[in-house]
C-alpha cells in the first residue's frame, strides 16, 4: 500500500490520504471579500481529483488585512453562505475542507505592498521595502482588537461548516512580522526575546481554540527560516512549534521566507522538507511539508520516512487538479474515482 494514501486522523477528523492542497491566493473574490462561483469550481475540482484536505486561500479577518483587494474574507456574516456551499460540495467528494485565516500586516493589498484604503499595521513602524508605505505600529488596544477579529472569523468558519482552521503565521504577513526580529522592534511584552515575539501568535491560537470545536483540528503555517542573517531560524521555529503544541495546535505547516526578498541557498524538489522533518522529530507535533513537490514517489517517501504527516502540493495541483488519481496509479495503489469519471480509468 502506498503510504501517501494512508488515512490520517487529527482529533475527530480522518483524512482519506496525506495529500494537502495548501492555501494559494486566487485574487478572484469580489471586493467585498465574498467567494464567487469561480472559487466553487476551483475547489470542487480538486476534491473530485482526490485531494485529502483542501485549505482555502488566505482569508482575511478584516478588510485592511487583505493581501489583495480581491482576497476572500471572513470578517462579515455575509461571507459565510458561499463558503458553506463550497464546504458541502467538497465534502460530498470525500475531501475535507478548511480555511487559512490571515492578516497581511505591512504587506497589505495593492499593486505596491502597504498601500490601500487604510494605513497598514505591523508590530513596528518598519516598511517591508523602500517602495512600501511605513505601517503604523499596533497599540496594545489594537492588538487586543485583532485577536478578537481572529476569533470572530473562526466562529464564522464554524458557521460555514469547515473542518480545519489554519492560522497564517508565515510569508512576511502580520503574525510572522511579530515573530521575526527583522520586523519586530517593540520594547513591550510583544517584542524582544522569542517568548515575547510569539505572544501575539499564541493569543490568536488561544482565542481561536476557545471557539473552535474540540473535535476539529487547528493548524498554524510558519516560515521556518527567514533566510536573512539576524532573522527567524529553524532553531526558533522548533521552540515556536513546542509552544503551539502546548496551546492546542494539531499540525504545523512548514514553509519559509517572505520576510524580505531573500531567497534560500538552493531551490529544488522538496527543498523545504527538512523543515517539517526536524520540527516533527524534535517536538512530536505533526507537520506538513511543502516545496516544489511534484513526483508521486517523492511525496510517498516523505510519508514513508516519517518526514511529515501531510504533503502539500501547490503549483502542481494548479497544473494538474487530478494529480492524486494519477499518483495512485503511478504508485500501484487503487483509489475510488468519481463515478462520473470511471470510464476514463
Protein backbone atom coordinates (compact mmCIF):
# COMPACT_ATOMS: atom_id res chain seq x y z
CA UNK A 1 0.00 0.00 0.00
CA UNK A 2 1.32 3.47 -0.86
CA UNK A 3 1.98 5.42 2.34
CA UNK A 4 0.75 8.59 0.67
CA UNK A 5 -2.73 7.07 0.51
CA UNK A 6 -2.98 6.01 4.14
CA UNK A 7 -5.54 7.86 6.23
CA UNK A 8 -4.63 10.39 8.91
CA UNK A 9 -6.72 11.20 11.96
CA UNK A 10 -6.33 14.55 13.72
CA UNK A 11 -8.74 14.94 16.64
CA UNK A 12 -12.15 13.95 15.25
CA UNK A 13 -11.24 14.37 11.58
CA UNK A 14 -9.98 11.49 9.44
CA UNK A 15 -8.44 12.37 6.08
CA UNK A 16 -8.65 9.84 3.25
CA UNK A 17 -4.99 10.39 2.31
CA UNK A 18 -1.97 12.57 3.10
CA UNK A 19 -2.33 14.96 0.16
CA UNK A 20 -2.89 18.59 1.12
CA UNK A 21 -3.87 21.40 -1.20
CA UNK A 22 -2.27 24.38 0.58
CA UNK A 23 -3.72 27.88 0.59
CA UNK A 24 -2.94 29.74 -2.65
CA UNK A 25 -4.31 33.21 -3.29
CA UNK A 26 -6.54 33.28 -6.36
CA UNK A 27 -7.23 37.04 -6.40
CA UNK A 28 -10.73 36.29 -7.64
CA UNK A 29 -13.10 37.38 -4.87
CA UNK A 30 -15.40 40.34 -5.17
CA UNK A 31 -14.08 43.47 -3.48
CA UNK A 32 -16.40 42.68 -0.57
CA UNK A 33 -14.40 39.51 0.11
CA UNK A 34 -17.26 37.19 -0.89
CA UNK A 35 -16.43 33.95 -2.71
CA UNK A 36 -17.73 33.52 -6.25
CA UNK A 37 -18.76 30.61 -8.45
CA UNK A 38 -15.17 30.56 -9.69
CA UNK A 39 -13.99 29.51 -6.22
CA UNK A 40 -16.69 26.86 -6.09
CA UNK A 41 -15.47 25.32 -9.35
CA UNK A 42 -11.80 25.64 -8.36
CA UNK A 43 -12.03 23.84 -5.03
CA UNK A 44 -14.64 21.31 -6.12
CA UNK A 45 -12.37 20.16 -8.98
CA UNK A 46 -9.51 19.35 -6.58
CA UNK A 47 -11.90 17.42 -4.32
CA UNK A 48 -13.04 15.40 -7.34
CA UNK A 49 -9.38 14.86 -8.15
CA UNK A 50 -8.77 13.02 -4.88
CA UNK A 51 -7.09 15.52 -2.56
CA UNK A 52 -7.40 14.59 1.11
CA UNK A 53 -7.58 18.08 2.61
CA UNK A 54 -8.17 21.37 0.82
CA UNK A 55 -7.32 24.62 2.60
CA UNK A 56 -8.88 27.74 1.12
CA UNK A 57 -6.62 30.60 0.21
CA UNK A 58 -5.57 33.24 2.74
CA UNK A 59 -8.85 34.64 4.04
CA UNK A 60 -8.68 37.99 5.78
CA UNK A 61 -10.00 38.61 9.28
CA UNK A 62 -10.54 42.30 8.50
CA UNK A 63 -10.67 44.35 5.27
CA UNK A 64 -7.33 46.12 5.75
CA UNK A 65 -5.69 42.73 6.28
CA UNK A 66 -6.19 41.55 2.70
CA UNK A 67 -3.15 40.61 0.65
CA UNK A 68 -5.01 41.90 -2.39
CA UNK A 69 -8.26 43.78 -2.88
CA UNK A 70 -9.70 40.55 -4.36
CA UNK A 71 -8.87 38.32 -1.40
CA UNK A 72 -11.51 36.29 0.37
CA UNK A 73 -12.67 37.39 3.81
CA UNK A 74 -14.46 36.10 6.87
CA UNK A 75 -14.85 39.44 8.60
CA UNK A 76 -18.58 39.69 7.85
CA UNK A 77 -21.52 37.33 8.24
CA UNK A 78 -22.45 37.87 4.59
CA UNK A 79 -19.30 35.98 3.61
CA UNK A 80 -20.36 32.75 5.33
CA UNK A 81 -23.00 31.30 2.98
CA UNK A 82 -20.81 30.95 -0.15
CA UNK A 83 -18.12 29.22 1.92
CA UNK A 84 -20.73 26.87 3.38
CA UNK A 85 -21.84 25.96 -0.14
CA UNK A 86 -18.25 25.14 -1.12
CA UNK A 87 -17.75 23.07 2.01
CA UNK A 88 -20.83 20.98 1.26
CA UNK A 89 -19.73 20.19 -2.30
CA UNK A 90 -16.11 19.48 -1.36
CA UNK A 91 -17.07 17.07 1.41
CA UNK A 92 -19.52 15.31 -0.89
CA UNK A 93 -16.49 14.32 -2.99
CA UNK A 94 -14.72 12.80 0.02
CA UNK A 95 -12.28 15.63 0.81
CA UNK A 96 -12.04 17.68 4.00
CA UNK A 97 -12.26 21.45 3.66
CA UNK A 98 -10.64 24.18 5.72
CA UNK A 99 -9.63 27.82 5.68
CA UNK A 100 -6.47 29.78 6.32
CA UNK A 101 -7.28 32.84 8.43
CA UNK A 102 -4.85 35.64 7.66
CA UNK A 103 -3.84 39.27 8.04
CA UNK A 104 -1.29 40.81 5.66
CA UNK A 105 0.04 43.39 8.12
CA UNK A 106 2.56 45.70 6.45
CA UNK A 107 2.22 43.75 3.17
CA UNK A 108 -1.45 44.67 2.79
CA UNK A 109 -3.16 44.95 -0.55
CA UNK A 110 -2.44 47.00 -3.64
CA UNK A 111 -0.16 47.00 -6.63
CA UNK A 112 2.53 48.14 -4.21
CA UNK A 113 2.63 46.48 -0.82
CA UNK A 114 1.49 48.61 2.06
CA UNK A 115 -0.94 50.71 0.03
CA UNK A 116 -4.68 50.57 0.40
CA UNK A 117 -7.70 52.36 1.81
CA UNK A 118 -6.06 52.48 5.24
CA UNK A 119 -2.52 52.78 6.52
CA UNK A 120 -1.15 49.26 7.05
CA UNK A 121 -0.37 48.00 10.53
CA UNK A 122 2.52 45.98 11.92
CA UNK A 123 4.27 45.29 15.20
CA UNK A 124 6.73 48.11 14.45
CA UNK A 125 6.78 51.08 12.08
CA UNK A 126 9.12 49.41 9.61
CA UNK A 127 8.21 49.25 5.92
CA UNK A 128 8.52 45.98 4.01
CA UNK A 129 10.84 47.62 1.47
CA UNK A 130 11.70 51.03 0.04
CA UNK A 131 8.67 51.04 -2.24
CA UNK A 132 6.17 50.26 0.52
CA UNK A 133 4.36 52.58 2.91
CA UNK A 134 5.52 52.65 6.50
CA UNK A 135 2.95 50.89 8.71
CA UNK A 136 1.51 52.11 11.97
CA UNK A 137 2.88 50.25 14.97
CA UNK A 138 -0.01 48.49 16.66
CA UNK A 139 -1.05 49.75 20.08
CA UNK A 140 -1.90 47.28 22.83
CA UNK A 141 -5.60 48.02 22.39
CA UNK A 142 -5.31 47.43 18.64
CA UNK A 143 -3.60 44.09 19.28
CA UNK A 144 -6.50 43.09 21.55
CA UNK A 145 -8.97 44.07 18.82
CA UNK A 146 -7.15 41.96 16.22
CA UNK A 147 -7.21 38.90 18.47
CA UNK A 148 -10.97 39.35 18.73
CA UNK A 149 -11.25 39.58 14.94
CA UNK A 150 -9.43 36.28 14.51
CA UNK A 151 -11.82 34.72 17.00
CA UNK A 152 -14.86 36.14 15.22
CA UNK A 153 -13.58 34.82 11.89
CA UNK A 154 -13.14 31.38 13.48
CA UNK A 155 -16.75 31.47 14.61
CA UNK A 156 -17.80 32.20 11.03
CA UNK A 157 -15.66 29.30 9.83
CA UNK A 158 -17.58 27.08 12.20
CA UNK A 159 -20.89 28.50 10.99
CA UNK A 160 -19.80 27.62 7.43
CA UNK A 161 -19.21 24.01 8.47
CA UNK A 162 -15.47 23.93 7.83
CA UNK A 163 -13.31 21.06 9.07
CA UNK A 164 -9.97 22.78 9.73
CA UNK A 165 -8.66 26.24 10.53
CA UNK A 166 -5.09 27.17 9.67
CA UNK A 167 -3.69 30.36 11.18
CA UNK A 168 -1.34 32.11 8.76
CA UNK A 169 1.90 32.82 10.59
CA UNK A 170 4.21 32.78 7.57
CA UNK A 171 5.42 34.62 4.46
CA UNK A 172 6.06 38.01 5.99
CA UNK A 173 2.46 38.72 6.99
CA UNK A 174 1.28 40.08 10.32
CA UNK A 175 1.89 37.14 12.67
CA UNK A 176 5.24 36.42 11.03
CA UNK A 177 6.08 40.11 11.45
CA UNK A 178 5.65 39.68 15.20
CA UNK A 179 7.76 36.52 15.23
CA UNK A 180 10.75 37.83 13.29
CA UNK A 181 13.27 40.18 14.92
CA UNK A 182 13.72 41.79 11.49
CA UNK A 183 10.25 43.35 11.65
CA UNK A 184 9.55 43.39 15.39
CA UNK A 185 11.49 46.01 17.35
CA UNK A 186 8.95 46.51 20.12
CA UNK A 187 10.13 47.05 23.68
CA UNK A 188 6.96 45.85 25.40
CA UNK A 189 5.53 42.39 26.14
CA UNK A 190 5.27 41.66 22.40
CA UNK A 191 8.90 42.36 21.49
CA UNK A 192 12.45 41.44 22.42
CA UNK A 193 13.01 37.77 23.20
CA UNK A 194 11.32 34.93 21.32
CA UNK A 195 8.83 34.27 24.10
CA UNK A 196 7.56 37.82 23.78
CA UNK A 197 7.64 37.79 19.98
CA UNK A 198 5.43 34.69 19.86
CA UNK A 199 2.94 36.15 22.35
CA UNK A 200 0.62 37.54 19.67
CA UNK A 201 0.53 34.22 17.80
CA UNK A 202 -0.26 32.31 20.98
CA UNK A 203 -3.02 34.75 21.89
CA UNK A 204 -4.57 34.26 18.45
CA UNK A 205 -4.27 30.48 18.82
CA UNK A 206 -5.91 30.56 22.26
CA UNK A 207 -8.73 32.81 21.04
CA UNK A 208 -9.45 30.57 18.05
CA UNK A 209 -9.15 27.36 20.05
CA UNK A 210 -11.65 28.77 22.57
CA UNK A 211 -14.43 28.90 19.95
CA UNK A 212 -13.27 26.20 17.54
CA UNK A 213 -14.84 22.83 18.43
CA UNK A 214 -12.59 20.47 20.37
CA UNK A 215 -13.09 17.73 17.79
CA UNK A 216 -11.78 19.90 14.93
CA UNK A 217 -8.06 20.35 14.17
CA UNK A 218 -6.22 23.64 14.28
CA UNK A 219 -3.12 24.22 12.12
CA UNK A 220 -0.53 27.01 12.03
CA UNK A 221 1.56 27.82 8.97
CA UNK A 222 5.04 29.15 9.71
CA UNK A 223 8.02 30.38 7.79
CA UNK A 224 10.61 28.18 9.41
CA UNK A 225 13.53 30.34 8.25
CA UNK A 226 13.82 33.96 7.13
CA UNK A 227 16.97 33.21 5.07
CA UNK A 228 18.38 36.51 6.34
CA UNK A 229 21.09 36.98 8.95
CA UNK A 230 19.50 38.11 12.19
CA UNK A 231 16.10 36.77 11.19
CA UNK A 232 13.97 33.86 12.31
CA UNK A 233 15.80 30.50 12.27
CA UNK A 234 14.82 26.85 12.31
CA UNK A 235 16.00 26.66 15.92
CA UNK A 236 13.46 29.38 16.74
CA UNK A 237 10.75 27.53 14.83
CA UNK A 238 11.29 24.36 16.85
CA UNK A 239 10.68 26.38 20.03
CA UNK A 240 7.61 28.02 18.49
CA UNK A 241 6.23 24.62 17.47
CA UNK A 242 6.65 23.28 21.01
CA UNK A 243 4.66 26.21 22.35
CA UNK A 244 1.99 25.76 19.69
CA UNK A 245 1.54 22.12 20.68
CA UNK A 246 1.04 23.15 24.31
CA UNK A 247 -1.65 25.61 23.20
CA UNK A 248 -3.73 23.04 21.33
CA UNK A 249 -2.37 23.26 17.79
CA UNK A 250 -2.54 19.94 15.95
CA UNK A 251 -0.21 20.46 12.98
CA UNK A 252 2.50 22.89 11.89
CA UNK A 253 2.63 23.62 8.15
CA UNK A 254 6.31 24.36 7.45
CA UNK A 255 7.14 26.87 4.74
CA UNK A 256 9.89 29.51 4.53
CA UNK A 257 10.78 33.05 3.59
CA UNK A 258 8.59 36.05 2.83
CA UNK A 259 10.07 38.45 5.34
CA UNK A 260 12.17 40.02 2.60
CA UNK A 261 13.18 39.32 -0.97
CA UNK A 262 15.92 36.96 0.21
CA UNK A 263 15.98 33.55 -1.41
CA UNK A 264 17.06 30.21 0.07
CA UNK A 265 20.58 28.94 -0.61
CA UNK A 266 19.23 26.37 -3.06
CA UNK A 267 15.86 25.54 -4.55
CA UNK A 268 14.72 22.19 -5.91
CA UNK A 269 12.15 19.44 -5.46
CA UNK A 270 11.35 19.07 -1.76
CA UNK A 271 13.82 21.74 -0.66
CA UNK A 272 11.80 22.66 2.44
CA UNK A 273 11.02 19.11 3.56
CA UNK A 274 13.87 19.24 6.16
CA UNK A 275 11.96 21.98 8.00
CA UNK A 276 8.94 19.75 8.52
CA UNK A 277 11.13 16.76 9.35
CA UNK A 278 13.08 18.48 12.10
CA UNK A 279 10.04 20.16 13.67
CA UNK A 280 8.23 16.82 13.72
CA UNK A 281 11.23 14.92 15.11
CA UNK A 282 12.10 17.38 17.88
CA UNK A 283 8.62 18.37 19.04
CA UNK A 284 6.38 15.41 18.27
CA UNK A 285 3.79 17.65 16.62
CA UNK A 286 2.50 16.52 13.20
CA UNK A 287 3.76 18.58 10.28
CA UNK A 288 3.02 19.32 6.64
CA UNK A 289 5.88 19.50 4.16
CA UNK A 290 5.95 21.74 1.11
CA UNK A 291 8.40 22.90 -1.54
CA UNK A 292 8.17 22.08 -5.26
CA UNK A 293 6.93 18.55 -4.64
CA UNK A 294 5.58 17.12 -7.90
CA UNK A 295 6.62 13.46 -8.15
CA UNK A 296 4.38 10.81 -6.56
CA UNK A 297 7.48 8.87 -5.48
CA UNK A 298 8.87 11.84 -3.54
CA UNK A 299 5.54 12.57 -1.90
CA UNK A 300 5.17 8.92 -0.88
CA UNK A 301 8.71 8.82 0.52
CA UNK A 302 8.01 11.84 2.75
CA UNK A 303 5.24 9.90 4.49
CA UNK A 304 7.01 6.55 4.44
CA UNK A 305 10.17 8.02 6.00
CA UNK A 306 8.14 9.94 8.59
CA UNK A 307 9.48 13.29 7.49
CA UNK A 308 5.99 14.80 7.67
CA UNK A 309 2.37 13.78 8.10
CA UNK A 310 0.92 15.66 5.13
CA UNK A 311 2.44 16.58 1.76
CA UNK A 312 1.36 19.92 0.31
CA UNK A 313 1.30 20.33 -3.46
CA UNK A 314 0.60 23.89 -4.54
CA UNK A 315 1.53 24.71 -8.11
CA UNK A 316 1.28 21.07 -9.12
CA UNK A 317 -2.40 20.99 -8.15
CA UNK A 318 -2.97 24.17 -10.15
CA UNK A 319 -1.48 22.46 -13.19
CA UNK A 320 -2.99 19.08 -12.51
CA UNK A 321 -6.26 19.02 -10.49
CA UNK A 322 -6.46 15.22 -10.69
CA UNK A 323 -2.87 14.61 -9.58
CA UNK A 324 -3.92 12.26 -6.73
CA UNK A 325 -5.67 9.88 -9.16
CA UNK A 326 -2.61 9.65 -11.40
CA UNK A 327 -0.28 9.44 -8.40
CA UNK A 328 -2.20 6.44 -7.08
CA UNK A 329 -1.79 4.71 -10.42
CA UNK A 330 1.94 5.51 -10.53
CA UNK A 331 2.37 4.07 -7.03
CA UNK A 332 0.32 0.95 -7.80
CA UNK A 333 -2.45 1.91 -5.41
CA UNK A 334 -6.15 1.58 -6.12
CA UNK A 335 -8.36 4.54 -5.19
CA UNK A 336 -12.01 5.32 -5.74
CA UNK A 337 -12.66 7.60 -8.70
CA UNK A 338 -15.70 9.84 -9.05
CA UNK A 339 -18.30 7.57 -10.61
CA UNK A 340 -18.85 10.08 -13.40
CA UNK A 341 -15.21 9.66 -14.49
CA UNK A 342 -14.78 5.90 -14.11
CA UNK A 343 -14.82 5.28 -17.86
CA UNK A 344 -11.51 7.20 -18.02
CA UNK A 345 -9.71 4.97 -15.52
